[in-house]
Structures are given as C-alpha cells and as structure tokens.
Amino acid sequence: MPSTNYPVIVGAGQLSHHPKAIEQTLEPIEMMERVAREAENDAGAPGLLEKVDSVQVVNFMSWSYTDAPGMLAARLGAAPAHTVYSAIGGETPQRLANETAQAIAEGRTRIALLAGAEALESRRLARKLGAQLPWSQRGTPQRIDGDNRPGFNEVEARHGATMPTRVYPLFENAIRGRLGLSVEAHRDRLSELCSRLAAVAANNPYAWFQTRHSPEEIASVRADNRMVGFPYPKLMNAIIETDQAAALIMTGSRTARELGIPEERWVYLRGCGDATDKWFVSERVNYYSSPAIRAATQRALGMAGIGVDDVARFDLYSCFPSAVQMGLDALGLRPDDPRPLTVTGGLPYAGGPGNNYVMHSIATMVQRLREAPGEHGLVTGLGWFATKHSAGVYSTGPPEGEWARTPPDVDQKEVDAMQSPPFVEQAEGEARVETYTVIFNREGEPEQAIIIGRLGNGPDARFFANTPPDRDRMLTMTREEFVGRRGHVHSEDGRNLFVVK
C-alpha cells in the first residue's frame, strides 16, 4: 500500500581501479565490499551495513560466484532476509532501485544495499600476461532473479546480429534515414554528441578515460580509432574492459531519520518507470525510436509530478549514440539541448562495466543533486539491444503526497499492443533496405554486411539478410546511403542474401 516512508538513497560509493600487475587486481566481490563501505561512510552512519535486510547484486560478466549476495553480506557482517542476483541487462541497477523503493514504501524492506562490479580489465591483463588471477573459486550462480532470456533469436544470430557492436549500428542507420541526413552530416552530428559526453568524463574522477575528444578526433577513422560497425568508429562504442564498481544504500525517510542520517545526504527517488520493447530486434515496430523508453520516462516524470522542462540534468544510457538519440526522441529533446545529457561521461568514456554502468550514473547523480538542492535529475538504463528500459527521477526534495509505483504491466500492455511488421525467416523476391550496417574486423577491413529489409515495394514482410562478401560493395555502403535501396533477396544455405540493384 502507499506510504509516506519515502524511498531515499542515503549513501553511494564508486571505484575505478587500474591494475598494472596481477598482484594489483581486485576481484569483483572485493570491489563491491569496498564501494559498500564507501557508501556507508557517505551516509555518515557507522554500522549501517550490518543492519541491511536486503542485499542485491548485479549480474557479473568477468567472474561468477555461487552466491554473490551471500558472500558480500558475510563480508559486511550483515544477515539479510532478502537477496537478489540479477539477470543480464544494463537497465538492472535502475530497475532494482525502482523495485527496492516500492518494497521500502510498502514496508517489506527497511535498508537495502545495491551493488555491482566488473573486472574485465583484470581479465584482459591476465590473458595478456598468460597469468592466473588469484581470486576466489568460480562457481555457477545458484539462482538468477529476473528475465534471463537471450536477447536474440536463431534467425538473427544466423545473420550475425548477436552483439551490441553489431546491432546498435542498425538503429543508428535507421535514425539517419529517418532524419534524411547525408552520411557526412550524420557523422558530424554523432561526433558532436559524443564530444559532449567525453567532456563530462574528463571531469569525472571515477571515469575510466578522463580525456576530452574533439568531434574531429571522434569522427576520424585511423589505426587507433578503427571502424567497428558502420557508422561507429571505436570512440563511439561502449568500453567494457574496465575494473569498476558502485554501490547504493537505500532506505525510507522515516528509517533514515530514526538512524540519524543527516537529511542533506538524502536523495529521493521521486518517480520511476519500467517497460520492455518487443523482445527480439526482428519484432520491433521500427528501428529509430523506442516506445518503451517513452513509456518508462513519461511514467517516471508523471509520478514525480514534473515535466521534462523541470529536469536540470540527465544521464541517458549511452552505450552507443543511437541509445542516446532514442532517449532524446522519447523525451522530445534535441541533441543540442543545453542541459547535461550525462553526469558520468557515458559508457564509451566513463566506462561501461557490464550490466552495472547505471549504478555509477545513479551514484554520480546523487552527488550532483546534493550539490544543487531542489534540482531534478533523470536517469535511464537499457538492457540487451534497446530492449529492456528503466527510468528514475531523483531530487533532494520529497515527493508531494503518497509514494506509489504504478505496476509496470500497465505501460507494458500498451507497448505490447503496438503492431509490428510480419517477419519471414526465408525471404524471396524484390525487396528494399529498412536498415543496415557493415561490420569491420580488427584490421579495418569490412567482413560482413547485415541487412534488415522489407519485401515488395511497400510496408510488407520484414527479413534479416546479409550481402555477398564483396569488399568494394561493402565499402560503398559506408559512403552512400543504402537505407531505402532496392534489390533482390533469396535464401541460400540457411541465410538470406540481399543483392542491391
């Protein structure tokens, strides 16, 4: 039931660790302990961690433990009645915050610790040195909480659409086609946007790269900025090989007052929203917008009782520029909006530690709002291929009236009801390109073109395809607009092949 025990974040901790030798590495469980204790110190409440009754850990990519929440609780001297080890998804930290806030408001949770860490840089270092990491024994998680479905289906995998670096460029080229920009004008638009993000990272002490990048530097394809998936050179891609950790301590305003936590440490989760787009990429309504981001952000803003014009700063999920633009589109904003679009610097520059980036964006947002009492900040997170979405509105000021989260099913029903084009596994006939990308290898050579097309001359059935492995043709696809280009598709050895006219 609704409650005036408003959910608040009272402590936040972050770590960005750059090991130079194996003996300097920290395993994820140790990193989480460090940031949890930092969050306790941040709250100004010694002994707070021993009182937590919920410990929630974000899914790891770099290491695995049989019971990560239990191990973390034991290290902290806590005995929680509730533990979570999440499923995969970059929206996870915000979604956990939303669910925890509801549990606090309903009296099911009193004090919660949310934590996550990645040590993919340490894994890379160990591979480079041919060394073993002196860490805890790995184990299969005894339980994974949440939707753990894979993010792609067999047909999408058959055509190469299995990784973010291969799928987000499909969204980007669709956005360019929708805007009607030339390849050159679109490149300039992206490099300006990314340069803005990098400038924020340069002033973030927890950023993995504290480096400014000019638009020209980001756009220029060269040996140290190779093309990855057209139109994204390396500097437009999330960097997951980082050693980073972050943690939050959440409780209710009444509990925080009882514990003597100073009110200047409190940051309220004023509003929240969660929604999921059509699960598989082949099922999407289109490739240039996200109905679920719109649903989640509008729900969060509405619950907070504010409009987008009342938001002072954002942290829009930024694994790739298309994700930022989908967020802007959902909010009715332009890329040149003068307000900060990130508080961290984003995943390509501040670092993209697996599923846990948004824990860093919330922790940083907490600090920024404490520095500017009364302002509002909006954080978004997404998982898989712009599939799962969560949003939160934060402020140092309390909500008006009761705190009550709208069940996510309410918005989900509307998203699910949207009509998608029919999809065919084996395509044959005249067709046109709906969107596409060209994937490059580490030597800078094109290795595969991925096409999402539509049969016929109108809005007919959708299909996935590749092009023949013609180097010159693939390079041409990076210099000329191929969205809308017509050709012929046929099935060959289990894959569809699209040949441009």
Protein backbone atom coordinates (compact mmCIF):
# COMPACT_ATOMS: atom_id res chain seq x y z
CA MET A 1 0.00 0.00 0.00
CA PRO A 2 1.16 3.62 -0.46
CA SER A 3 3.30 5.08 2.30
CA THR A 4 4.86 8.37 3.35
CA ASN A 5 8.03 6.47 4.26
CA TYR A 6 9.56 7.90 1.12
CA PRO A 7 12.34 5.87 -0.54
CA VAL A 8 15.70 7.64 -0.33
CA ILE A 9 19.28 6.92 -1.30
CA VAL A 10 21.43 7.80 1.70
CA GLY A 11 24.83 6.52 0.59
CA ALA A 12 26.70 5.97 -2.66
CA GLY A 13 30.17 4.61 -3.38
CA GLN A 14 32.24 4.19 -6.53
CA LEU A 15 35.59 2.71 -7.53
CA SER A 16 37.59 2.86 -10.75
CA HIS A 17 40.69 0.67 -10.46
CA HIS A 18 43.56 0.48 -12.97
CA PRO A 19 45.75 -2.55 -12.17
CA LYS A 20 49.20 -2.71 -13.76
CA ALA A 21 50.17 -6.15 -12.42
CA ILE A 22 48.33 -9.32 -11.41
CA GLU A 23 49.01 -8.73 -7.71
CA GLN A 24 47.24 -5.35 -8.03
CA THR A 25 43.98 -6.81 -9.33
CA LEU A 26 40.83 -6.83 -7.24
CA GLU A 27 38.14 -9.43 -7.76
CA PRO A 28 34.51 -8.27 -8.04
CA ILE A 29 33.48 -9.37 -4.53
CA GLU A 30 36.32 -7.34 -3.00
CA MET A 31 35.49 -4.34 -5.15
CA MET A 32 31.85 -4.49 -4.03
CA GLU A 33 32.88 -4.65 -0.39
CA ARG A 34 34.98 -1.53 -0.86
CA VAL A 35 32.23 0.52 -2.51
CA ALA A 36 29.65 -0.71 0.00
CA ARG A 37 31.81 0.58 2.84
CA GLU A 38 32.34 3.82 0.94
CA ALA A 39 28.55 4.15 0.63
CA GLU A 40 28.23 3.60 4.39
CA ASN A 41 30.80 6.34 5.04
CA ASP A 42 28.97 8.56 2.55
CA ALA A 43 25.77 8.13 4.57
CA GLY A 44 27.58 9.18 7.75
CA ALA A 45 26.11 6.22 9.64
CA PRO A 46 28.70 3.79 11.07
CA GLY A 47 27.33 0.27 11.40
CA LEU A 48 24.64 0.83 8.78
CA LEU A 49 25.74 -2.10 6.59
CA GLU A 50 25.26 -4.57 9.45
CA LYS A 51 21.59 -3.55 9.55
CA VAL A 52 20.74 -4.13 5.88
CA ASP A 53 17.92 -6.62 5.32
CA SER A 54 18.25 -6.76 1.51
CA VAL A 55 21.46 -7.30 -0.48
CA GLN A 56 21.14 -7.10 -4.25
CA VAL A 57 23.97 -7.77 -6.71
CA VAL A 58 24.06 -7.01 -10.43
CA ASN A 59 24.97 -9.89 -12.76
CA PHE A 60 28.73 -10.20 -13.44
CA MET A 61 30.43 -10.67 -16.80
CA SER A 62 34.00 -11.02 -15.53
CA TRP A 63 33.66 -13.65 -12.79
CA SER A 64 30.97 -15.80 -11.21
CA TYR A 65 30.18 -16.89 -7.69
CA THR A 66 27.78 -19.49 -6.34
CA ASP A 67 26.13 -16.93 -4.05
CA ALA A 68 27.47 -13.41 -4.62
CA PRO A 69 24.89 -11.62 -2.41
CA GLY A 70 25.53 -14.06 0.43
CA MET A 71 29.30 -13.68 0.13
CA LEU A 72 29.02 -9.90 0.12
CA ALA A 73 26.68 -9.90 3.13
CA ALA A 74 29.08 -12.13 5.08
CA ARG A 75 31.99 -9.78 4.36
CA LEU A 76 29.91 -6.86 5.64
CA GLY A 77 28.61 -8.58 8.76
CA ALA A 78 25.01 -8.46 7.52
CA ALA A 79 22.30 -11.11 7.71
CA PRO A 80 19.74 -10.07 5.08
CA ALA A 81 16.39 -11.83 4.82
CA HIS A 82 16.23 -10.89 1.12
CA THR A 83 18.91 -11.33 -1.54
CA VAL A 84 18.98 -10.85 -5.31
CA TYR A 85 21.41 -11.87 -8.03
CA SER A 86 20.08 -10.22 -11.15
CA ALA A 87 19.63 -11.37 -14.71
CA ILE A 88 21.60 -9.75 -17.54
CA GLY A 89 20.67 -6.21 -18.54
CA GLY A 90 22.07 -2.70 -18.45
CA GLU A 91 18.77 -1.42 -17.04
CA THR A 92 19.24 -3.60 -13.95
CA PRO A 93 20.55 -1.04 -11.41
CA GLN A 94 17.69 1.38 -12.08
CA ARG A 95 15.12 -1.42 -12.12
CA LEU A 96 16.45 -2.74 -8.80
CA ALA A 97 16.24 0.77 -7.38
CA ASN A 98 12.62 1.04 -8.56
CA GLU A 99 11.66 -2.33 -7.10
CA THR A 100 13.52 -1.64 -3.87
CA ALA A 101 11.81 1.73 -3.50
CA GLN A 102 8.45 0.01 -3.78
CA ALA A 103 9.46 -2.59 -1.18
CA ILE A 104 10.56 0.19 1.18
CA ALA A 105 7.34 2.17 0.68
CA GLU A 106 5.26 -0.97 1.32
CA GLY A 107 7.23 -1.92 4.43
CA ARG A 108 8.77 -5.11 3.01
CA THR A 109 12.36 -3.78 3.11
CA ARG A 110 13.94 -1.50 5.69
CA ILE A 111 17.51 -0.96 4.47
CA ALA A 112 18.88 -2.26 1.15
CA LEU A 113 22.33 -2.47 -0.38
CA LEU A 114 22.55 -2.49 -4.19
CA ALA A 115 25.99 -3.27 -5.60
CA GLY A 116 27.79 -4.37 -8.72
CA ALA A 117 31.32 -4.65 -10.07
CA GLU A 118 33.24 -5.72 -13.15
CA ALA A 119 36.89 -6.64 -13.56
CA LEU A 120 37.16 -7.19 -17.29
CA GLU A 121 40.36 -5.14 -17.44
CA SER A 122 41.93 -7.56 -14.97
CA ARG A 123 40.78 -10.47 -17.12
CA ARG A 124 42.36 -8.80 -20.16
CA LEU A 125 45.59 -8.20 -18.24
CA ALA A 126 45.74 -11.86 -17.15
CA ARG A 127 45.28 -13.03 -20.74
CA LYS A 128 47.98 -10.66 -21.93
CA LEU A 129 50.44 -11.91 -19.30
CA GLY A 130 49.40 -15.56 -19.52
CA ALA A 131 48.79 -15.47 -15.77
CA GLN A 132 46.19 -16.86 -13.40
CA LEU A 133 44.12 -14.47 -11.31
CA PRO A 134 44.49 -15.23 -7.57
CA TRP A 135 40.79 -14.87 -6.90
CA SER A 136 38.03 -16.87 -5.19
CA GLN A 137 36.96 -20.09 -6.81
CA ARG A 138 34.46 -19.56 -9.59
CA GLY A 139 31.04 -21.12 -9.27
CA THR A 140 27.72 -21.32 -11.07
CA PRO A 141 25.17 -18.94 -9.53
CA GLN A 142 22.67 -20.94 -7.53
CA ARG A 143 19.91 -18.53 -8.53
CA ILE A 144 19.37 -15.81 -11.12
CA ASP A 145 16.49 -13.41 -10.49
CA GLY A 146 14.60 -11.78 -13.35
CA ASP A 147 14.12 -12.35 -17.06
CA ASN A 148 17.17 -14.23 -18.28
CA ARG A 149 16.10 -14.87 -21.87
CA PRO A 150 18.75 -14.39 -24.55
CA GLY A 151 18.49 -11.10 -26.41
CA PHE A 152 18.46 -12.56 -29.92
CA ASN A 153 16.78 -15.43 -31.72
CA GLU A 154 18.21 -18.07 -34.01
CA VAL A 155 17.42 -16.24 -37.25
CA GLU A 156 19.05 -13.02 -36.03
CA ALA A 157 22.10 -14.99 -34.87
CA ARG A 158 22.38 -16.74 -38.23
CA HIS A 159 22.82 -13.36 -39.90
CA GLY A 160 25.33 -12.02 -37.36
CA ALA A 161 23.11 -9.83 -35.15
CA THR A 162 24.34 -11.19 -31.81
CA MET A 163 26.38 -8.43 -30.20
CA PRO A 164 25.73 -4.79 -29.30
CA THR A 165 28.50 -3.68 -31.68
CA ARG A 166 26.56 -5.35 -34.49
CA VAL A 167 23.01 -4.31 -33.57
CA TYR A 168 23.15 -0.70 -32.38
CA PRO A 169 24.59 0.44 -35.73
CA LEU A 170 21.37 -0.92 -37.29
CA PHE A 171 19.43 1.51 -35.14
CA GLU A 172 21.81 4.34 -35.99
CA ASN A 173 21.49 4.00 -39.74
CA ALA A 174 17.72 3.86 -39.39
CA ILE A 175 17.86 7.12 -37.43
CA ARG A 176 19.91 8.72 -40.21
CA GLY A 177 17.42 7.51 -42.80
CA ARG A 178 14.54 8.89 -40.75
CA LEU A 179 16.25 12.29 -40.41
CA GLY A 180 17.13 12.41 -44.10
CA LEU A 181 20.74 13.36 -43.40
CA SER A 182 23.69 12.59 -45.63
CA VAL A 183 26.32 10.16 -44.36
CA GLU A 184 28.67 13.09 -43.80
CA ALA A 185 26.15 15.29 -41.99
CA HIS A 186 25.11 12.40 -39.81
CA ARG A 187 28.74 11.62 -38.91
CA ASP A 188 29.19 15.23 -37.82
CA ARG A 189 26.03 15.06 -35.72
CA LEU A 190 27.26 11.94 -33.91
CA SER A 191 30.77 13.25 -33.30
CA GLU A 192 29.41 16.48 -31.78
CA LEU A 193 27.15 14.47 -29.46
CA CYS A 194 29.97 12.15 -28.41
CA SER A 195 32.38 15.01 -27.82
CA ARG A 196 29.87 16.47 -25.35
CA LEU A 197 29.85 13.20 -23.41
CA ALA A 198 33.64 12.89 -23.36
CA ALA A 199 33.95 16.42 -21.96
CA VAL A 200 31.92 15.33 -18.93
CA ALA A 201 34.09 12.23 -18.43
CA ALA A 202 37.18 14.43 -18.42
CA ASN A 203 35.95 16.00 -15.16
CA ASN A 204 34.67 12.79 -13.54
CA PRO A 205 37.20 11.33 -11.07
CA TYR A 206 35.65 7.87 -11.48
CA ALA A 207 35.70 7.88 -15.30
CA TRP A 208 37.79 5.18 -16.94
CA PHE A 209 39.08 7.69 -19.51
CA GLN A 210 39.39 11.27 -18.23
CA THR A 211 40.11 12.57 -21.71
CA ARG A 212 38.46 15.19 -23.88
CA HIS A 213 37.93 14.28 -27.52
CA SER A 214 37.16 16.81 -30.23
CA PRO A 215 34.41 15.97 -32.73
CA GLU A 216 37.06 15.63 -35.43
CA GLU A 217 39.07 13.16 -33.33
CA ILE A 218 35.99 11.03 -32.68
CA ALA A 219 34.90 11.01 -36.33
CA SER A 220 38.33 10.33 -37.84
CA VAL A 221 38.86 6.67 -38.76
CA ARG A 222 42.50 5.70 -38.20
CA ALA A 223 44.60 2.92 -36.69
CA ASP A 224 43.66 3.75 -33.09
CA ASN A 225 40.04 4.58 -33.96
CA ARG A 226 39.13 1.84 -36.41
CA MET A 227 35.64 1.40 -37.78
CA VAL A 228 33.79 -1.25 -35.75
CA GLY A 229 30.24 -1.33 -37.08
CA PHE A 230 29.33 1.39 -39.57
CA PRO A 231 28.81 4.24 -38.76
CA TYR A 232 30.62 3.78 -35.41
CA PRO A 233 34.40 4.05 -35.10
CA LYS A 234 35.84 2.72 -31.85
CA LEU A 235 35.43 6.00 -29.93
CA MET A 236 31.65 5.75 -30.31
CA ASN A 237 31.46 2.28 -28.73
CA ALA A 238 30.97 1.39 -25.07
CA ILE A 239 34.18 0.23 -23.38
CA ILE A 240 33.51 -2.85 -21.24
CA GLU A 241 37.11 -3.75 -20.37
CA THR A 242 37.16 -1.76 -17.14
CA ASP A 243 37.58 -2.54 -13.45
CA GLN A 244 34.80 -0.51 -11.84
CA ALA A 245 32.32 -0.93 -9.01
CA ALA A 246 29.49 1.06 -7.47
CA ALA A 247 27.01 0.66 -4.63
CA LEU A 248 23.94 2.39 -3.22
CA ILE A 249 22.29 2.22 0.19
CA MET A 250 18.52 2.79 0.12
CA THR A 251 16.08 3.15 2.97
CA GLY A 252 12.92 5.04 3.89
CA SER A 253 12.81 8.65 5.06
CA ARG A 254 11.37 7.60 8.43
CA THR A 255 14.07 4.99 8.90
CA ALA A 256 16.79 7.41 7.83
CA ARG A 257 15.57 9.88 10.44
CA GLU A 258 15.47 7.18 13.12
CA LEU A 259 19.05 6.20 12.25
CA GLY A 260 20.23 9.79 12.48
CA ILE A 261 21.34 10.03 8.86
CA PRO A 262 21.62 13.74 8.05
CA GLU A 263 18.90 14.95 5.67
CA GLU A 264 21.46 16.63 3.45
CA ARG A 265 22.57 13.11 2.47
CA TRP A 266 19.08 12.06 1.35
CA VAL A 267 18.19 11.88 -2.34
CA TYR A 268 14.64 10.81 -3.10
CA LEU A 269 13.56 8.54 -5.91
CA ARG A 270 10.64 10.77 -6.85
CA GLY A 271 9.35 8.79 -9.81
CA CYS A 272 10.11 5.61 -11.70
CA GLY A 273 9.07 3.63 -14.77
CA ASP A 274 9.87 0.32 -16.44
CA ALA A 275 8.93 -1.08 -19.84
CA THR A 276 10.21 -3.50 -22.46
CA ASP A 277 10.18 -3.11 -26.22
CA LYS A 278 9.29 -6.06 -28.42
CA TRP A 279 11.85 -8.58 -27.21
CA PHE A 280 13.63 -9.53 -30.43
CA VAL A 281 15.07 -6.95 -32.81
CA SER A 282 13.21 -8.53 -35.73
CA GLU A 283 9.92 -7.77 -33.94
CA ARG A 284 10.44 -4.03 -33.37
CA VAL A 285 7.88 -1.51 -34.51
CA ASN A 286 10.71 0.46 -36.15
CA TYR A 287 14.44 0.96 -35.69
CA TYR A 288 14.66 4.67 -34.99
CA SER A 289 12.57 5.01 -31.82
CA SER A 290 11.67 3.16 -28.64
CA PRO A 291 8.06 3.12 -27.41
CA ALA A 292 9.26 1.52 -24.17
CA ILE A 293 11.74 4.33 -23.37
CA ARG A 294 8.91 6.79 -23.92
CA ALA A 295 6.61 4.81 -21.64
CA ALA A 296 9.19 4.42 -18.86
CA THR A 297 10.35 8.05 -18.87
CA GLN A 298 6.86 9.52 -19.10
CA ARG A 299 5.73 7.30 -16.23
CA ALA A 300 8.71 8.40 -14.12
CA LEU A 301 8.17 12.09 -14.85
CA GLY A 302 4.44 11.84 -14.24
CA MET A 303 4.92 10.05 -10.93
CA ALA A 304 7.41 12.74 -9.88
CA GLY A 305 4.86 15.41 -10.80
CA ILE A 306 7.19 17.25 -13.17
CA GLY A 307 7.71 17.73 -16.89
CA VAL A 308 10.88 17.26 -18.89
CA ASP A 309 11.50 21.02 -18.78
CA ASP A 310 11.84 20.74 -14.99
CA VAL A 311 14.77 18.31 -15.25
CA ALA A 312 18.12 20.02 -14.64
CA ARG A 313 20.37 17.15 -15.76
CA PHE A 314 20.09 13.73 -17.34
CA ASP A 315 22.04 10.55 -17.56
CA LEU A 316 20.70 8.96 -20.73
CA TYR A 317 22.01 5.46 -21.33
CA SER A 318 24.86 5.85 -23.78
CA CYS A 319 26.34 2.53 -24.85
CA PHE A 320 26.17 3.86 -28.43
CA PRO A 321 24.95 7.17 -29.87
CA SER A 322 21.72 5.56 -31.09
CA ALA A 323 20.75 4.79 -27.49
CA VAL A 324 21.19 8.44 -26.50
CA GLN A 325 19.17 9.59 -29.50
CA MET A 326 16.34 7.17 -28.75
CA GLY A 327 16.25 8.61 -25.24
CA LEU A 328 16.19 12.16 -26.56
CA ASP A 329 13.46 11.28 -29.04
CA ALA A 330 11.35 9.70 -26.29
CA LEU A 331 11.66 12.87 -24.23
CA GLY A 332 11.07 15.24 -27.15
CA LEU A 333 14.57 16.72 -26.88
CA ARG A 334 17.27 17.61 -29.38
CA PRO A 335 20.94 16.52 -29.21
CA ASP A 336 21.95 20.15 -28.71
CA ASP A 337 19.79 20.57 -25.59
CA PRO A 338 21.98 22.72 -23.32
CA ARG A 339 21.40 20.61 -20.21
CA PRO A 340 23.88 17.82 -19.33
CA LEU A 341 22.88 14.62 -21.12
CA THR A 342 25.19 12.60 -18.87
CA VAL A 343 26.62 13.10 -15.39
CA THR A 344 29.36 10.48 -15.78
CA GLY A 345 30.54 10.91 -19.37
CA GLY A 346 28.82 7.81 -20.72
CA LEU A 347 29.83 4.23 -21.43
CA PRO A 348 32.42 4.96 -24.17
CA TYR A 349 34.36 7.37 -21.94
CA ALA A 350 33.40 6.97 -18.26
CA GLY A 351 33.36 3.21 -18.84
CA GLY A 352 30.75 0.56 -19.47
CA PRO A 353 31.26 -2.04 -16.72
CA GLY A 354 28.96 -4.77 -17.99
CA ASN A 355 25.47 -4.57 -16.55
CA ASN A 356 26.44 -2.14 -13.78
CA TYR A 357 27.02 1.20 -15.54
CA VAL A 358 23.75 2.70 -14.30
CA MET A 359 24.79 2.11 -10.68
CA HIS A 360 27.55 4.61 -11.43
CA SER A 361 25.18 7.05 -13.11
CA ILE A 362 22.80 6.96 -10.12
CA ALA A 363 25.69 7.34 -7.66
CA THR A 364 27.02 10.32 -9.60
CA MET A 365 23.55 11.82 -9.93
CA VAL A 366 23.18 11.59 -6.14
CA GLN A 367 26.33 13.67 -5.72
CA ARG A 368 25.31 16.25 -8.33
CA LEU A 369 21.87 16.73 -6.76
CA ARG A 370 23.31 17.11 -3.28
CA GLU A 371 25.41 19.93 -4.74
CA ALA A 372 22.28 21.56 -6.19
CA PRO A 373 19.43 21.07 -3.68
CA GLY A 374 15.97 21.19 -5.20
CA GLU A 375 17.00 20.24 -8.74
CA HIS A 376 15.69 17.13 -10.50
CA GLY A 377 17.74 14.54 -12.36
CA LEU A 378 16.54 11.81 -14.73
CA VAL A 379 18.45 8.53 -15.17
CA THR A 380 17.67 5.92 -17.81
CA GLY A 381 19.00 2.42 -18.30
CA LEU A 382 18.54 -0.15 -21.03
CA GLY A 383 19.35 -3.81 -21.48
CA TRP A 384 20.21 -6.04 -24.41
CA PHE A 385 19.52 -4.29 -27.73
CA ALA A 386 17.48 -1.31 -26.52
CA THR A 387 15.12 -4.00 -25.25
CA LYS A 388 14.56 -3.52 -21.50
CA HIS A 389 14.18 0.01 -20.10
CA SER A 390 14.06 1.61 -16.67
CA ALA A 391 13.93 5.25 -15.62
CA GLY A 392 14.19 7.16 -12.37
CA VAL A 393 13.65 10.79 -11.35
CA TYR A 394 15.73 11.92 -8.39
CA SER A 395 15.73 15.03 -6.19
CA THR A 396 16.76 16.20 -2.73
CA GLY A 397 13.19 17.37 -2.20
CA PRO A 398 10.48 14.91 -1.06
CA PRO A 399 7.50 13.94 -3.20
CA GLU A 400 4.12 15.51 -2.65
CA GLY A 401 1.55 13.10 -1.23
CA GLU A 402 1.92 9.36 -1.13
CA TRP A 403 4.64 7.37 -2.93
CA ALA A 404 3.05 4.68 -5.10
CA ARG A 405 4.68 2.92 -8.05
CA THR A 406 2.40 2.13 -10.97
CA PRO A 407 2.63 -1.59 -11.83
CA PRO A 408 4.86 -1.89 -14.94
CA ASP A 409 2.20 -4.10 -16.56
CA VAL A 410 0.06 -1.00 -17.08
CA ASP A 411 2.51 0.54 -19.54
CA GLN A 412 3.66 -2.81 -20.88
CA LYS A 413 0.23 -3.66 -22.21
CA GLU A 414 0.27 -0.54 -24.40
CA VAL A 415 3.75 -1.29 -25.77
CA ASP A 416 2.89 -4.93 -26.46
CA ALA A 417 -0.27 -3.89 -28.32
CA MET A 418 1.72 -1.93 -30.92
CA GLN A 419 1.73 -3.64 -34.30
CA SER A 420 4.97 -4.94 -35.78
CA PRO A 421 5.54 -5.96 -39.40
CA PRO A 422 5.20 -9.67 -40.16
CA PHE A 423 8.54 -11.47 -40.24
CA VAL A 424 9.69 -14.17 -42.65
CA GLU A 425 12.63 -16.47 -42.00
CA GLN A 426 13.29 -17.33 -45.65
CA ALA A 427 12.80 -14.35 -47.95
CA GLU A 428 12.46 -14.40 -51.72
CA GLY A 429 11.79 -11.62 -54.20
CA GLU A 430 12.08 -7.92 -54.78
CA ALA A 431 12.90 -6.01 -51.60
CA ARG A 432 14.26 -2.81 -50.09
CA VAL A 433 16.61 -1.99 -47.22
CA GLU A 434 14.92 -0.91 -43.99
CA THR A 435 18.27 -0.51 -42.23
CA TYR A 436 21.75 -2.00 -42.39
CA THR A 437 25.32 -1.96 -41.13
CA VAL A 438 28.76 -3.11 -42.23
CA ILE A 439 30.92 -4.91 -39.66
CA PHE A 440 34.71 -4.43 -39.77
CA ASN A 441 37.46 -6.67 -38.43
CA ARG A 442 40.36 -5.55 -36.26
CA GLU A 443 42.49 -4.90 -39.33
CA GLY A 444 39.97 -2.33 -40.53
CA GLU A 445 38.57 -4.47 -43.34
CA PRO A 446 34.83 -4.97 -43.93
CA GLU A 447 33.84 -8.55 -43.13
CA GLN A 448 30.04 -8.68 -43.16
CA ALA A 449 27.04 -6.55 -44.07
CA ILE A 450 23.82 -7.07 -42.11
CA ILE A 451 20.55 -6.06 -43.74
CA ILE A 452 17.08 -5.72 -42.30
CA GLY A 453 14.78 -5.48 -45.28
CA ARG A 454 11.18 -5.43 -46.37
CA LEU A 455 9.75 -7.49 -49.20
CA GLY A 456 7.97 -5.79 -52.07
CA ASN A 457 7.62 -2.09 -52.67
CA GLY A 458 5.54 -1.21 -49.62
CA PRO A 459 5.34 -2.00 -45.90
CA ASP A 460 5.46 -5.74 -46.46
CA ALA A 461 7.08 -8.58 -44.52
CA ARG A 462 10.43 -7.97 -42.82
CA PHE A 463 13.50 -10.19 -43.11
CA PHE A 464 17.14 -10.41 -41.99
CA ALA A 465 19.84 -10.89 -44.62
CA ASN A 466 23.50 -10.47 -45.45
CA THR A 467 25.04 -9.25 -48.67
CA PRO A 468 27.53 -11.25 -50.74
CA PRO A 469 31.09 -10.81 -49.35
CA ASP A 470 32.02 -8.13 -51.87
CA ARG A 471 34.60 -5.79 -50.27
CA ASP A 472 34.04 -2.91 -52.67
CA ARG A 473 30.27 -3.11 -52.31
CA MET A 474 30.51 -3.14 -48.52
CA LEU A 475 32.80 -0.11 -48.53
CA THR A 476 30.36 1.68 -50.83
CA MET A 477 27.65 1.01 -48.25
CA THR A 478 29.64 3.12 -45.77
CA ARG A 479 29.91 6.06 -48.18
CA GLU A 480 26.47 6.16 -49.75
CA GLU A 481 23.01 5.91 -48.23
CA PHE A 482 21.64 2.39 -48.53
CA VAL A 483 18.51 2.82 -46.41
CA GLY A 484 15.70 2.52 -48.93
CA ARG A 485 17.88 0.95 -51.64
CA ARG A 486 16.15 -1.73 -53.66
CA GLY A 487 17.35 -5.15 -54.68
CA HIS A 488 16.55 -8.83 -54.64
CA VAL A 489 16.67 -11.26 -51.74
CA HIS A 490 16.90 -15.04 -51.83
CA SER A 491 17.67 -17.83 -49.37
CA GLU A 492 20.94 -19.74 -49.70
CA ASP A 493 22.38 -22.35 -47.29
CA GLY A 494 20.09 -21.23 -44.47
CA ARG A 495 20.77 -17.49 -44.83
CA ASN A 496 19.08 -14.76 -46.80
CA LEU A 497 21.29 -12.90 -49.28
CA PHE A 498 20.37 -9.41 -50.44
CA VAL A 499 21.79 -8.16 -53.75
CA VAL A 500 21.44 -4.44 -54.44
CA LYS A 501 20.19 -3.42 -57.88
